[in-house]
C-alpha atoms as a PDB file:
ATOM      1  CA  MET A   1     -40.815  22.357   8.958  1.00  0.00           C
ATOM      2  CA  ARG A   2     -38.086  23.481   6.130  1.00  0.00           C
ATOM      3  CA  LYS A   3     -40.476  26.325   5.205  1.00  0.00           C
ATOM      4  CA  ARG A   4     -39.937  27.931   8.045  1.00  0.00           C
ATOM      5  CA  ILE A   5     -36.114  26.981   8.463  1.00  0.00           C
ATOM      6  CA  LEU A   6     -36.385  28.980   4.793  1.00  0.00           C
ATOM      7  CA  TYR A   7     -37.745  32.152   6.515  1.00  0.00           C
ATOM      8  CA  ALA A   8     -36.124  32.259   8.800  1.00  0.00           C
ATOM      9  CA  VAL A   9     -32.825  32.566   7.273  1.00  0.00           C
ATOM     10  CA  ALA A  10     -34.277  35.243   4.598  1.00  0.00           C
ATOM     11  CA  THR A  11     -35.772  37.360   8.018  1.00  0.00           C
ATOM     12  CA  LEU A  12     -32.369  36.775   9.403  1.00  0.00           C
ATOM     13  CA  PHE A  13     -30.471  37.712   6.130  1.00  0.00           C
ATOM     14  CA  LEU A  14     -32.899  40.747   4.782  1.00  0.00           C
ATOM     15  CA  LEU A  15     -32.663  42.047   8.490  1.00  0.00           C
ATOM     16  CA  LEU A  16     -29.393  42.318   8.693  1.00  0.00           C
ATOM     17  CA  ILE A  17     -28.989  44.488   4.769  1.00  0.00           C
ATOM     18  CA  GLU A  18     -31.481  46.235   6.706  1.00  0.00           C
ATOM     19  CA  VAL A  19     -28.997  47.140   9.754  1.00  0.00           C
ATOM     20  CA  ILE A  20     -26.222  47.620   7.636  1.00  0.00           C
ATOM     21  CA  ILE A  21     -28.136  50.281   5.132  1.00  0.00           C
ATOM     22  CA  ALA A  22     -29.315  51.659   8.335  1.00  0.00           C
ATOM     23  CA  LEU A  23     -25.896  52.485   9.972  1.00  0.00           C
ATOM     24  CA  TYR A  24     -23.824  52.617   6.351  1.00  0.00           C
ATOM     25  CA  VAL A  25     -25.489  54.259   4.023  1.00  0.00           C
ATOM     26  CA  HIS A  26     -26.256  58.079   4.472  1.00  0.00           C
ATOM     27  CA  ASP A  27     -27.239  58.462   0.226  1.00  0.00           C
ATOM     28  CA  ASP A  28     -30.871  59.696  -1.166  1.00  0.00           C
ATOM     29  CA  PHE A  29     -32.069  56.949  -2.894  1.00  0.00           C
ATOM     30  CA  ILE A  30     -30.789  53.433  -1.279  1.00  0.00           C
ATOM     31  CA  ARG A  31     -31.353  54.327   2.345  1.00  0.00           C
ATOM     32  CA  SER A  32     -34.636  56.151   1.810  1.00  0.00           C
ATOM     33  CA  TYR A  33     -36.188  54.229  -0.441  1.00  0.00           C
ATOM     34  CA  VAL A  34     -34.512  50.884  -0.858  1.00  0.00           C
ATOM     35  CA  GLY A  35     -35.103  50.448   2.897  1.00  0.00           C
ATOM     36  CA  ASP A  36     -38.773  51.183   3.308  1.00  0.00           C
ATOM     37  CA  ILE A  37     -39.265  48.254   0.428  1.00  0.00           C
ATOM     38  CA  LEU A  38     -37.262  45.695   2.244  1.00  0.00           C
ATOM     39  CA  VAL A  39     -39.267  46.774   5.609  1.00  0.00           C
ATOM     40  CA  VAL A  40     -42.228  44.944   4.229  1.00  0.00           C
ATOM     41  CA  ILE A  41     -40.354  42.734   3.007  1.00  0.00           C
ATOM     42  CA  VAL A  42     -38.449  41.752   5.989  1.00  0.00           C
ATOM     43  CA  ILE A  43     -41.543  41.423   8.074  1.00  0.00           C
ATOM     44  CA  TYR A  44     -43.030  38.922   5.442  1.00  0.00           C
ATOM     45  CA  THR A  45     -40.408  36.395   6.153  1.00  0.00           C
ATOM     46  CA  PHE A  46     -41.110  36.364   9.892  1.00  0.00           C
ATOM     47  CA  ILE A  47     -44.473  36.028   9.241  1.00  0.00           C
ATOM     48  CA  ARG A  48     -44.386  33.119   6.784  1.00  0.00           C
ATOM     49  CA  MET A  49     -41.595  32.183   9.606  1.00  0.00           C
ATOM     50  CA  ILE A  50     -44.567  31.381  11.420  1.00  0.00           C
ATOM     51  CA  VAL A  51     -47.394  31.028   8.920  1.00  0.00           C
ATOM     52  CA  PRO A  52     -45.369  29.517   6.060  1.00  0.00           C
ATOM     53  CA  GLU A  53     -49.082  28.320   4.276  1.00  0.00           C
ATOM     54  CA  LYS A  54     -52.401  29.367   2.647  1.00  0.00           C
ATOM     55  CA  TYR A  55     -52.954  33.036   4.011  1.00  0.00           C
ATOM     56  CA  ARG A  56     -52.257  34.762   0.382  1.00  0.00           C
ATOM     57  CA  LEU A  57     -53.530  37.862   1.493  1.00  0.00           C
ATOM     58  CA  ILE A  58     -50.758  38.426   4.174  1.00  0.00           C
ATOM     59  CA  PRO A  59     -48.893  41.780   1.715  1.00  0.00           C
ATOM     60  CA  LEU A  60     -51.734  42.974   1.805  1.00  0.00           C
ATOM     61  CA  PHE A  61     -52.265  43.080   6.363  1.00  0.00           C
ATOM     62  CA  ILE A  62     -48.446  44.349   6.155  1.00  0.00           C
ATOM     63  CA  PHE A  63     -49.209  46.603   3.739  1.00  0.00           C
ATOM     64  CA  ILE A  64     -52.023  47.987   5.839  1.00  0.00           C
ATOM     65  CA  PHE A  65     -49.857  47.658   9.030  1.00  0.00           C
ATOM     66  CA  ALA A  66     -46.942  49.380   6.930  1.00  0.00           C
ATOM     67  CA  VAL A  67     -50.094  52.433   6.441  1.00  0.00           C
ATOM     68  CA  GLY A  68     -50.960  52.757   9.825  1.00  0.00           C
ATOM     69  CA  VAL A  69     -46.964  52.686  11.554  1.00  0.00           C
ATOM     70  CA  GLU A  70     -46.658  55.733   9.084  1.00  0.00           C
ATOM     71  CA  LEU A  71     -50.001  57.186   9.773  1.00  0.00           C
ATOM     72  CA  LEU A  72     -48.584  57.406  13.497  1.00  0.00           C
ATOM     73  CA  GLN A  73     -45.785  59.364  12.284  1.00  0.00           C
ATOM     74  CA  LEU A  74     -48.169  61.326  11.574  1.00  0.00           C
ATOM     75  CA  VAL A  75     -49.655  62.505  14.862  1.00  0.00           C
ATOM     76  CA  ASN A  76     -46.393  62.061  16.506  1.00  0.00           C
ATOM     77  CA  ILE A  77     -46.206  59.000  18.061  1.00  0.00           C
ATOM     78  CA  VAL A  78     -42.624  58.895  19.049  1.00  0.00           C
ATOM     79  CA  GLY A  79     -43.384  62.570  21.180  1.00  0.00           C
ATOM     80  CA  ILE A  80     -46.613  60.834  22.698  1.00  0.00           C
ATOM     81  CA  LEU A  81     -45.150  57.816  23.648  1.00  0.00           C
ATOM     82  CA  GLY A  82     -41.973  60.396  25.604  1.00  0.00           C
ATOM     83  CA  VAL A  83     -40.290  57.793  23.402  1.00  0.00           C
ATOM     84  CA  ALA A  84     -38.114  60.563  21.228  1.00  0.00           C
ATOM     85  CA  ASP A  85     -35.019  60.243  23.276  1.00  0.00           C
ATOM     86  CA  ASN A  86     -34.102  56.460  22.429  1.00  0.00           C
ATOM     87  CA  ILE A  87     -33.014  56.595  19.438  1.00  0.00           C
ATOM     88  CA  PHE A  88     -33.670  53.116  19.256  1.00  0.00           C
ATOM     89  CA  LEU A  89     -37.614  53.036  19.520  1.00  0.00           C
ATOM     90  CA  LYS A  90     -37.292  56.449  17.469  1.00  0.00           C
ATOM     91  CA  THR A  91     -35.620  54.601  14.412  1.00  0.00           C
ATOM     92  CA  LEU A  92     -37.521  51.556  14.911  1.00  0.00           C
ATOM     93  CA  MET A  93     -41.355  53.570  14.685  1.00  0.00           C
ATOM     94  CA  GLY A  94     -40.210  56.294  12.347  1.00  0.00           C
ATOM     95  CA  SER A  95     -40.852  59.905  12.884  1.00  0.00           C
ATOM     96  CA  VAL A  96     -41.007  61.824  10.319  1.00  0.00           C
ATOM     97  CA  PHE A  97     -44.234  61.412   8.136  1.00  0.00           C
ATOM     98  CA  ASP A  98     -43.650  60.523   3.836  1.00  0.00           C
ATOM     99  CA  ILE A  99     -45.856  59.732   1.753  1.00  0.00           C
ATOM    100  CA  LYS A 100     -43.410  58.747  -0.290  1.00  0.00           C
ATOM    101  CA  ASP A 101     -42.294  55.883   2.478  1.00  0.00           C
ATOM    102  CA  ILE A 102     -46.512  54.825   1.790  1.00  0.00           C
ATOM    103  CA  VAL A 103     -45.839  54.309  -1.952  1.00  0.00           C
ATOM    104  CA  CYS A 104     -42.217  51.947  -0.676  1.00  0.00           C
ATOM    105  CA  TYR A 105     -44.502  49.770   1.213  1.00  0.00           C
ATOM    106  CA  ALA A 106     -46.599  48.958  -1.983  1.00  0.00           C
ATOM    107  CA  VAL A 107     -44.044  48.798  -3.372  1.00  0.00           C
ATOM    108  CA  GLY A 108     -42.672  46.269  -1.730  1.00  0.00           C
ATOM    109  CA  CYS A 109     -46.104  45.015  -1.198  1.00  0.00           C
ATOM    110  CA  VAL A 110     -46.545  44.337  -4.357  1.00  0.00           C
ATOM    111  CA  ILE A 111     -43.374  42.341  -5.216  1.00  0.00           C
ATOM    112  CA  LEU A 112     -44.257  40.269  -2.138  1.00  0.00           C
ATOM    113  CA  CYS A 113     -47.769  39.176  -4.218  1.00  0.00           C
ATOM    114  CA  MET A 114     -45.546  38.652  -7.354  1.00  0.00           C
ATOM    115  CA  TYR A 115     -44.004  36.372  -5.154  1.00  0.00           C
ATOM    116  CA  GLU A 116     -47.441  33.975  -3.924  1.00  0.00           C
ATOM    117  CA  TRP A 117     -48.770  34.514  -7.465  1.00  0.00           C
ATOM    118  CA  ILE A 118     -45.473  33.076  -8.655  1.00  0.00           C
ATOM    119  CA  ARG A 119     -45.455  30.284  -6.229  1.00  0.00           C
ATOM    120  CA  ALA A 120     -48.888  29.605  -6.122  1.00  0.00           C
ATOM    121  CA  ARG A 121     -48.652  28.789 -10.170  1.00  0.00           C
ATOM    122  CA  THR A 122     -45.559  26.429  -9.332  1.00  0.00           C
ATOM    123  CA  HIS A 123     -47.686  25.053  -6.539  1.00  0.00           C
ATOM    124  CA  SER A 124     -50.371  23.769  -8.395  1.00  0.00           C
ATOM    125  CA  ALA A 125     -48.574  23.076 -11.531  1.00  0.00           C
ATOM    126  CA  LYS A 126     -46.383  20.361  -8.880  1.00  0.00           C
ATOM    127  CA  LYS A 127     -49.499  18.558  -8.182  1.00  0.00           C
ATOM    128  CA  GLU A 128     -50.313  18.796 -11.927  1.00  0.00           C
ATOM    129  CA  THR A 129     -47.173  16.786 -12.648  1.00  0.00           C
END
């Protein structure tokens, strides 16, 4: 239960950072790259809030999901669904395909894989003592 609470707090904190970036940061680095790296981490902490143990492949599944969303942008899913006038949905789903976004998602997922690896090593070290 404690892990779920920690992941919930992390999710809310990271989501707040994402909102601040979206509303107040208007540069070409933080908004474009850091925001995309953080979005996969937000998804990870949200999933970990529900499934806190054992599934080390979650970063891979999140990457596949993120790439899928990006590919939907390539086919103009916002236009197909008719939500181009809805600013919230357009922002949430994205409207412009960019290969750099996929690279950022990969960087975020590599960070998550490193976290999983460190967490597994720490957990096994605790078991040995």
